[in-house]
Protein backbone atom coordinates (compact mmCIF):
# COMPACT_ATOMS: atom_id res chain seq x y z
CA UNK A 1 0.00 0.00 0.00
CA UNK A 2 1.49 3.32 -1.08
CA UNK A 3 1.67 6.03 1.56
CA UNK A 4 0.31 9.49 0.91
CA UNK A 5 2.46 12.59 1.15
CA UNK A 6 0.71 13.56 4.39
CA UNK A 7 1.38 10.16 5.97
CA UNK A 8 5.08 10.38 5.11
CA UNK A 9 5.32 13.91 6.56
CA UNK A 10 3.49 12.81 9.73
CA UNK A 11 5.86 9.87 10.19
CA UNK A 12 8.89 12.12 9.69
CA UNK A 13 7.58 14.68 12.18
CA UNK A 14 6.83 11.95 14.70
CA UNK A 15 10.25 10.38 14.28
CA UNK A 16 12.26 13.62 14.25
CA UNK A 17 10.38 15.88 16.62
CA UNK A 18 8.52 13.85 19.25
CA UNK A 19 11.57 12.87 21.26
CA UNK A 20 13.00 16.40 21.08
CA UNK A 21 9.72 18.01 22.13
CA UNK A 22 9.22 15.59 25.01
CA UNK A 23 12.76 16.22 26.26
CA UNK A 24 12.49 20.03 26.06
CA UNK A 25 8.90 20.44 27.28
CA UNK A 26 8.35 21.86 30.72
CA UNK A 27 6.49 19.79 33.27
CA UNK A 28 2.93 20.83 34.00
CA UNK A 29 1.85 20.69 37.60
CA UNK A 30 -1.87 20.77 38.44
CA UNK A 31 -3.17 23.25 40.96
CA UNK A 32 -3.74 21.97 44.46
CA UNK A 33 -6.47 24.32 45.60
CA UNK A 34 -9.32 23.51 47.97
CA UNK A 35 -11.62 23.49 44.95
CA UNK A 36 -9.45 20.92 43.14
CA UNK A 37 -9.06 18.70 46.21
CA UNK A 38 -12.58 18.67 47.65
CA UNK A 39 -15.25 20.88 46.09
CA UNK A 40 -14.88 19.56 42.53
CA UNK A 41 -15.37 15.95 43.68
CA UNK A 42 -18.37 16.87 45.84
CA UNK A 43 -19.95 18.71 42.89
CA UNK A 44 -19.30 15.70 40.64
CA UNK A 45 -21.11 13.42 43.09
CA UNK A 46 -24.04 15.80 43.67
CA UNK A 47 -24.58 16.17 39.92
CA UNK A 48 -23.73 12.64 38.69
CA UNK A 49 -25.73 10.70 41.29
CA UNK A 50 -29.15 12.21 40.44
CA UNK A 51 -28.30 12.12 36.72
CA UNK A 52 -27.51 8.40 36.91
CA UNK A 53 -30.77 7.74 38.73
CA UNK A 54 -32.79 9.73 36.18
CA UNK A 55 -30.92 8.18 33.23
CA UNK A 56 -31.20 4.58 34.46
CA UNK A 57 -34.29 3.87 32.30
CA UNK A 58 -32.45 5.34 29.29
CA UNK A 59 -29.45 3.08 30.02
CA UNK A 60 -31.74 0.05 30.14
CA UNK A 61 -33.53 0.92 26.88
CA UNK A 62 -30.25 1.67 25.10
CA UNK A 63 -28.77 -1.59 26.38
CA UNK A 64 -31.72 -3.54 24.97
CA UNK A 65 -31.52 -1.74 21.59
CA UNK A 66 -27.75 -2.27 21.33
CA UNK A 67 -28.13 -5.93 22.34
CA UNK A 68 -30.65 -6.60 19.56
CA UNK A 69 -28.64 -4.55 17.04
CA UNK A 70 -25.10 -5.76 17.79
CA UNK A 71 -25.38 -8.55 20.34
CA UNK A 72 -23.00 -8.90 23.23
CA UNK A 73 -21.15 -7.11 24.69
CA UNK A 74 -23.37 -4.04 24.88
CA UNK A 75 -20.63 -1.87 26.37
CA UNK A 76 -17.44 -0.78 24.59
CA UNK A 77 -14.39 -0.45 26.87
CA UNK A 78 -11.19 1.39 26.08
CA UNK A 79 -8.15 2.14 28.23
CA UNK A 80 -7.76 5.87 28.83
CA UNK A 81 -5.31 7.97 30.78
CA UNK A 82 -6.85 9.90 33.64
CA UNK A 83 -5.64 12.22 36.36
CA UNK A 84 -1.99 11.81 37.33
CA UNK A 85 -1.50 9.34 34.45
CA UNK A 86 -3.71 6.70 36.09
CA UNK A 87 -5.30 4.34 33.57
CA UNK A 88 -8.99 3.48 33.67
CA UNK A 89 -11.56 1.84 31.39
CA UNK A 90 -13.74 4.36 29.57
CA UNK A 91 -17.13 2.83 28.82
CA UNK A 92 -19.61 3.64 26.07
CA UNK A 93 -22.52 1.92 24.42
CA UNK A 94 -21.36 0.05 21.33
CA UNK A 95 -22.19 1.56 17.95
CA UNK A 96 -20.01 -0.51 15.60
CA UNK A 97 -19.52 -4.12 14.64
CA UNK A 98 -16.16 -5.88 14.87
CA UNK A 99 -16.15 -6.92 11.20
CA UNK A 100 -12.75 -7.65 9.70
CA UNK A 101 -11.37 -7.75 6.18
CA UNK A 102 -10.02 -10.86 4.49
CA UNK A 103 -6.57 -9.93 5.87
CA UNK A 104 -7.88 -9.88 9.45
CA UNK A 105 -7.83 -6.11 9.90
CA UNK A 106 -10.85 -4.21 11.18
CA UNK A 107 -12.87 -2.60 8.41
CA UNK A 108 -12.99 1.21 8.28
CA UNK A 109 -15.26 2.86 10.82
CA UNK A 110 -17.77 3.96 8.15
CA UNK A 111 -18.34 0.35 7.13
CA UNK A 112 -18.73 -0.99 10.67
CA UNK A 113 -21.12 1.57 12.16
CA UNK A 114 -24.75 0.43 12.26
CA UNK A 115 -27.91 2.45 11.62
CA UNK A 116 -28.61 2.53 15.35
CA UNK A 117 -24.94 3.45 15.88
CA UNK A 118 -25.41 6.56 13.72
CA UNK A 119 -28.33 7.66 15.88
CA UNK A 120 -26.53 6.88 19.12
CA UNK A 121 -23.49 8.90 18.05
CA UNK A 122 -25.47 11.76 16.51
CA UNK A 123 -27.16 12.46 19.83
CA UNK A 124 -24.12 11.40 21.97
CA UNK A 125 -26.20 8.70 23.66
CA UNK A 126 -23.16 6.41 23.74
CA UNK A 127 -21.45 8.84 26.14
CA UNK A 128 -24.31 9.05 28.67
CA UNK A 129 -23.06 6.04 30.58
CA UNK A 130 -19.87 8.00 31.35
CA UNK A 131 -21.74 9.58 34.26
CA UNK A 132 -21.07 6.30 36.09
CA UNK A 133 -17.36 6.98 35.68
CA UNK A 134 -17.85 10.46 37.12
CA UNK A 135 -19.63 8.95 40.13
CA UNK A 136 -16.89 6.32 40.46
CA UNK A 137 -14.21 9.04 40.39
CA UNK A 138 -12.41 8.02 37.18
CA UNK A 139 -13.63 11.13 35.36
CA UNK A 140 -14.86 14.58 36.26
CA UNK A 141 -17.62 16.71 34.79
CA UNK A 142 -15.15 19.58 34.33
CA UNK A 143 -11.75 18.89 32.89
CA UNK A 144 -9.94 17.65 29.81
CA UNK A 145 -11.20 14.71 27.83
CA UNK A 146 -9.22 11.58 28.79
CA UNK A 147 -6.96 10.44 25.96
CA UNK A 148 -6.49 6.85 24.82
CA UNK A 149 -3.43 5.11 26.26
CA UNK A 150 -2.20 4.33 22.73
CA UNK A 151 -2.90 5.92 19.37
CA UNK A 152 -3.02 4.04 16.10
CA UNK A 153 -1.93 5.83 12.95
C-alpha atoms as a PDB file:
ATOM      1  CA  UNK A   1       0.000   0.000   0.000  1.00  0.00           C
ATOM      2  CA  UNK A   2       1.494   3.320  -1.079  1.00  0.00           C
ATOM      3  CA  UNK A   3       1.671   6.030   1.559  1.00  0.00           C
ATOM      4  CA  UNK A   4       0.315   9.491   0.909  1.00  0.00           C
ATOM      5  CA  UNK A   5       2.463  12.589   1.153  1.00  0.00           C
ATOM      6  CA  UNK A   6       0.713  13.563   4.392  1.00  0.00           C
ATOM      7  CA  UNK A   7       1.382  10.158   5.970  1.00  0.00           C
ATOM      8  CA  UNK A   8       5.076  10.379   5.109  1.00  0.00           C
ATOM      9  CA  UNK A   9       5.323  13.907   6.562  1.00  0.00           C
ATOM     10  CA  UNK A  10       3.491  12.811   9.726  1.00  0.00           C
ATOM     11  CA  UNK A  11       5.859   9.867  10.186  1.00  0.00           C
ATOM     12  CA  UNK A  12       8.891  12.123   9.690  1.00  0.00           C
ATOM     13  CA  UNK A  13       7.577  14.677  12.177  1.00  0.00           C
ATOM     14  CA  UNK A  14       6.830  11.951  14.695  1.00  0.00           C
ATOM     15  CA  UNK A  15      10.249  10.384  14.280  1.00  0.00           C
ATOM     16  CA  UNK A  16      12.265  13.616  14.249  1.00  0.00           C
ATOM     17  CA  UNK A  17      10.377  15.876  16.623  1.00  0.00           C
ATOM     18  CA  UNK A  18       8.525  13.847  19.250  1.00  0.00           C
ATOM     19  CA  UNK A  19      11.575  12.867  21.257  1.00  0.00           C
ATOM     20  CA  UNK A  20      13.004  16.400  21.079  1.00  0.00           C
ATOM     21  CA  UNK A  21       9.715  18.008  22.126  1.00  0.00           C
ATOM     22  CA  UNK A  22       9.221  15.592  25.015  1.00  0.00           C
ATOM     23  CA  UNK A  23      12.763  16.222  26.260  1.00  0.00           C
ATOM     24  CA  UNK A  24      12.490  20.026  26.055  1.00  0.00           C
ATOM     25  CA  UNK A  25       8.903  20.440  27.281  1.00  0.00           C
ATOM     26  CA  UNK A  26       8.347  21.865  30.720  1.00  0.00           C
ATOM     27  CA  UNK A  27       6.485  19.787  33.272  1.00  0.00           C
ATOM     28  CA  UNK A  28       2.925  20.831  33.999  1.00  0.00           C
ATOM     29  CA  UNK A  29       1.853  20.693  37.599  1.00  0.00           C
ATOM     30  CA  UNK A  30      -1.870  20.771  38.444  1.00  0.00           C
ATOM     31  CA  UNK A  31      -3.167  23.248  40.964  1.00  0.00           C
ATOM     32  CA  UNK A  32      -3.742  21.965  44.462  1.00  0.00           C
ATOM     33  CA  UNK A  33      -6.471  24.325  45.600  1.00  0.00           C
ATOM     34  CA  UNK A  34      -9.320  23.513  47.969  1.00  0.00           C
ATOM     35  CA  UNK A  35     -11.618  23.490  44.949  1.00  0.00           C
ATOM     36  CA  UNK A  36      -9.450  20.920  43.141  1.00  0.00           C
ATOM     37  CA  UNK A  37      -9.059  18.701  46.206  1.00  0.00           C
ATOM     38  CA  UNK A  38     -12.579  18.674  47.648  1.00  0.00           C
ATOM     39  CA  UNK A  39     -15.254  20.877  46.093  1.00  0.00           C
ATOM     40  CA  UNK A  40     -14.878  19.559  42.532  1.00  0.00           C
ATOM     41  CA  UNK A  41     -15.369  15.948  43.681  1.00  0.00           C
ATOM     42  CA  UNK A  42     -18.373  16.875  45.837  1.00  0.00           C
ATOM     43  CA  UNK A  43     -19.953  18.711  42.894  1.00  0.00           C
ATOM     44  CA  UNK A  44     -19.300  15.699  40.644  1.00  0.00           C
ATOM     45  CA  UNK A  45     -21.111  13.423  43.091  1.00  0.00           C
ATOM     46  CA  UNK A  46     -24.041  15.803  43.669  1.00  0.00           C
ATOM     47  CA  UNK A  47     -24.581  16.166  39.919  1.00  0.00           C
ATOM     48  CA  UNK A  48     -23.726  12.638  38.694  1.00  0.00           C
ATOM     49  CA  UNK A  49     -25.735  10.696  41.289  1.00  0.00           C
ATOM     50  CA  UNK A  50     -29.153  12.212  40.436  1.00  0.00           C
ATOM     51  CA  UNK A  51     -28.297  12.123  36.720  1.00  0.00           C
ATOM     52  CA  UNK A  52     -27.510   8.404  36.909  1.00  0.00           C
ATOM     53  CA  UNK A  53     -30.770   7.735  38.733  1.00  0.00           C
ATOM     54  CA  UNK A  54     -32.793   9.727  36.178  1.00  0.00           C
ATOM     55  CA  UNK A  55     -30.920   8.185  33.234  1.00  0.00           C
ATOM     56  CA  UNK A  56     -31.199   4.582  34.460  1.00  0.00           C
ATOM     57  CA  UNK A  57     -34.288   3.867  32.304  1.00  0.00           C
ATOM     58  CA  UNK A  58     -32.452   5.340  29.290  1.00  0.00           C
ATOM     59  CA  UNK A  59     -29.451   3.084  30.020  1.00  0.00           C
ATOM     60  CA  UNK A  60     -31.742   0.050  30.138  1.00  0.00           C
ATOM     61  CA  UNK A  61     -33.531   0.923  26.880  1.00  0.00           C
ATOM     62  CA  UNK A  62     -30.251   1.674  25.098  1.00  0.00           C
ATOM     63  CA  UNK A  63     -28.774  -1.593  26.375  1.00  0.00           C
ATOM     64  CA  UNK A  64     -31.720  -3.538  24.969  1.00  0.00           C
ATOM     65  CA  UNK A  65     -31.518  -1.744  21.593  1.00  0.00           C
ATOM     66  CA  UNK A  66     -27.753  -2.275  21.328  1.00  0.00           C
ATOM     67  CA  UNK A  67     -28.132  -5.927  22.339  1.00  0.00           C
ATOM     68  CA  UNK A  68     -30.648  -6.601  19.560  1.00  0.00           C
ATOM     69  CA  UNK A  69     -28.644  -4.546  17.042  1.00  0.00           C
ATOM     70  CA  UNK A  70     -25.100  -5.759  17.788  1.00  0.00           C
ATOM     71  CA  UNK A  71     -25.382  -8.549  20.338  1.00  0.00           C
ATOM     72  CA  UNK A  72     -23.005  -8.905  23.225  1.00  0.00           C
ATOM     73  CA  UNK A  73     -21.150  -7.113  24.688  1.00  0.00           C
ATOM     74  CA  UNK A  74     -23.368  -4.038  24.880  1.00  0.00           C
ATOM     75  CA  UNK A  75     -20.627  -1.867  26.369  1.00  0.00           C
ATOM     76  CA  UNK A  76     -17.436  -0.783  24.595  1.00  0.00           C
ATOM     77  CA  UNK A  77     -14.394  -0.454  26.873  1.00  0.00           C
ATOM     78  CA  UNK A  78     -11.188   1.388  26.085  1.00  0.00           C
ATOM     79  CA  UNK A  79      -8.149   2.136  28.233  1.00  0.00           C
ATOM     80  CA  UNK A  80      -7.762   5.868  28.831  1.00  0.00           C
ATOM     81  CA  UNK A  81      -5.315   7.967  30.776  1.00  0.00           C
ATOM     82  CA  UNK A  82      -6.850   9.900  33.642  1.00  0.00           C
ATOM     83  CA  UNK A  83      -5.645  12.219  36.360  1.00  0.00           C
ATOM     84  CA  UNK A  84      -1.987  11.812  37.326  1.00  0.00           C
ATOM     85  CA  UNK A  85      -1.496   9.337  34.451  1.00  0.00           C
ATOM     86  CA  UNK A  86      -3.713   6.704  36.090  1.00  0.00           C
ATOM     87  CA  UNK A  87      -5.300   4.336  33.570  1.00  0.00           C
ATOM     88  CA  UNK A  88      -8.992   3.483  33.670  1.00  0.00           C
ATOM     89  CA  UNK A  89     -11.564   1.843  31.392  1.00  0.00           C
ATOM     90  CA  UNK A  90     -13.736   4.356  29.574  1.00  0.00           C
ATOM     91  CA  UNK A  91     -17.130   2.825  28.822  1.00  0.00           C
ATOM     92  CA  UNK A  92     -19.605   3.638  26.074  1.00  0.00           C
ATOM     93  CA  UNK A  93     -22.520   1.920  24.423  1.00  0.00           C
ATOM     94  CA  UNK A  94     -21.363   0.053  21.327  1.00  0.00           C
ATOM     95  CA  UNK A  95     -22.191   1.561  17.951  1.00  0.00           C
ATOM     96  CA  UNK A  96     -20.013  -0.511  15.596  1.00  0.00           C
ATOM     97  CA  UNK A  97     -19.518  -4.116  14.637  1.00  0.00           C
ATOM     98  CA  UNK A  98     -16.163  -5.880  14.868  1.00  0.00           C
ATOM     99  CA  UNK A  99     -16.153  -6.918  11.199  1.00  0.00           C
ATOM    100  CA  UNK A 100     -12.753  -7.652   9.700  1.00  0.00           C
ATOM    101  CA  UNK A 101     -11.374  -7.746   6.181  1.00  0.00           C
ATOM    102  CA  UNK A 102     -10.016 -10.862   4.495  1.00  0.00           C
ATOM    103  CA  UNK A 103      -6.575  -9.934   5.871  1.00  0.00           C
ATOM    104  CA  UNK A 104      -7.880  -9.883   9.454  1.00  0.00           C
ATOM    105  CA  UNK A 105      -7.834  -6.106   9.898  1.00  0.00           C
ATOM    106  CA  UNK A 106     -10.846  -4.205  11.182  1.00  0.00           C
ATOM    107  CA  UNK A 107     -12.871  -2.605   8.409  1.00  0.00           C
ATOM    108  CA  UNK A 108     -12.988   1.214   8.280  1.00  0.00           C
ATOM    109  CA  UNK A 109     -15.263   2.863  10.822  1.00  0.00           C
ATOM    110  CA  UNK A 110     -17.771   3.962   8.154  1.00  0.00           C
ATOM    111  CA  UNK A 111     -18.338   0.349   7.125  1.00  0.00           C
ATOM    112  CA  UNK A 112     -18.730  -0.992  10.670  1.00  0.00           C
ATOM    113  CA  UNK A 113     -21.119   1.571  12.163  1.00  0.00           C
ATOM    114  CA  UNK A 114     -24.751   0.428  12.256  1.00  0.00           C
ATOM    115  CA  UNK A 115     -27.906   2.447  11.617  1.00  0.00           C
ATOM    116  CA  UNK A 116     -28.606   2.526  15.346  1.00  0.00           C
ATOM    117  CA  UNK A 117     -24.943   3.447  15.875  1.00  0.00           C
ATOM    118  CA  UNK A 118     -25.405   6.559  13.723  1.00  0.00           C
ATOM    119  CA  UNK A 119     -28.332   7.663  15.875  1.00  0.00           C
ATOM    120  CA  UNK A 120     -26.532   6.878  19.125  1.00  0.00           C
ATOM    121  CA  UNK A 121     -23.493   8.896  18.046  1.00  0.00           C
ATOM    122  CA  UNK A 122     -25.465  11.765  16.512  1.00  0.00           C
ATOM    123  CA  UNK A 123     -27.157  12.460  19.832  1.00  0.00           C
ATOM    124  CA  UNK A 124     -24.120  11.400  21.968  1.00  0.00           C
ATOM    125  CA  UNK A 125     -26.199   8.704  23.664  1.00  0.00           C
ATOM    126  CA  UNK A 126     -23.158   6.412  23.737  1.00  0.00           C
ATOM    127  CA  UNK A 127     -21.452   8.839  26.138  1.00  0.00           C
ATOM    128  CA  UNK A 128     -24.306   9.050  28.674  1.00  0.00           C
ATOM    129  CA  UNK A 129     -23.056   6.037  30.579  1.00  0.00           C
ATOM    130  CA  UNK A 130     -19.873   8.002  31.348  1.00  0.00           C
ATOM    131  CA  UNK A 131     -21.738   9.584  34.263  1.00  0.00           C
ATOM    132  CA  UNK A 132     -21.073   6.297  36.087  1.00  0.00           C
ATOM    133  CA  UNK A 133     -17.365   6.976  35.679  1.00  0.00           C
ATOM    134  CA  UNK A 134     -17.851  10.460  37.120  1.00  0.00           C
ATOM    135  CA  UNK A 135     -19.627   8.947  40.127  1.00  0.00           C
ATOM    136  CA  UNK A 136     -16.886   6.320  40.462  1.00  0.00           C
ATOM    137  CA  UNK A 137     -14.212   9.043  40.394  1.00  0.00           C
ATOM    138  CA  UNK A 138     -12.410   8.021  37.179  1.00  0.00           C
ATOM    139  CA  UNK A 139     -13.626  11.129  35.357  1.00  0.00           C
ATOM    140  CA  UNK A 140     -14.858  14.581  36.263  1.00  0.00           C
ATOM    141  CA  UNK A 141     -17.616  16.715  34.787  1.00  0.00           C
ATOM    142  CA  UNK A 142     -15.154  19.577  34.325  1.00  0.00           C
ATOM    143  CA  UNK A 143     -11.749  18.890  32.885  1.00  0.00           C
ATOM    144  CA  UNK A 144      -9.940  17.654  29.815  1.00  0.00           C
ATOM    145  CA  UNK A 145     -11.198  14.710  27.834  1.00  0.00           C
ATOM    146  CA  UNK A 146      -9.217  11.585  28.791  1.00  0.00           C
ATOM    147  CA  UNK A 147      -6.964  10.440  25.960  1.00  0.00           C
ATOM    148  CA  UNK A 148      -6.494   6.850  24.815  1.00  0.00           C
ATOM    149  CA  UNK A 149      -3.433   5.114  26.255  1.00  0.00           C
ATOM    150  CA  UNK A 150      -2.205   4.332  22.730  1.00  0.00           C
ATOM    151  CA  UNK A 151      -2.901   5.922  19.374  1.00  0.00           C
ATOM    152  CA  UNK A 152      -3.018   4.038  16.096  1.00  0.00           C
ATOM    153  CA  UNK A 153      -1.931   5.831  12.953  1.00  0.00           C
END
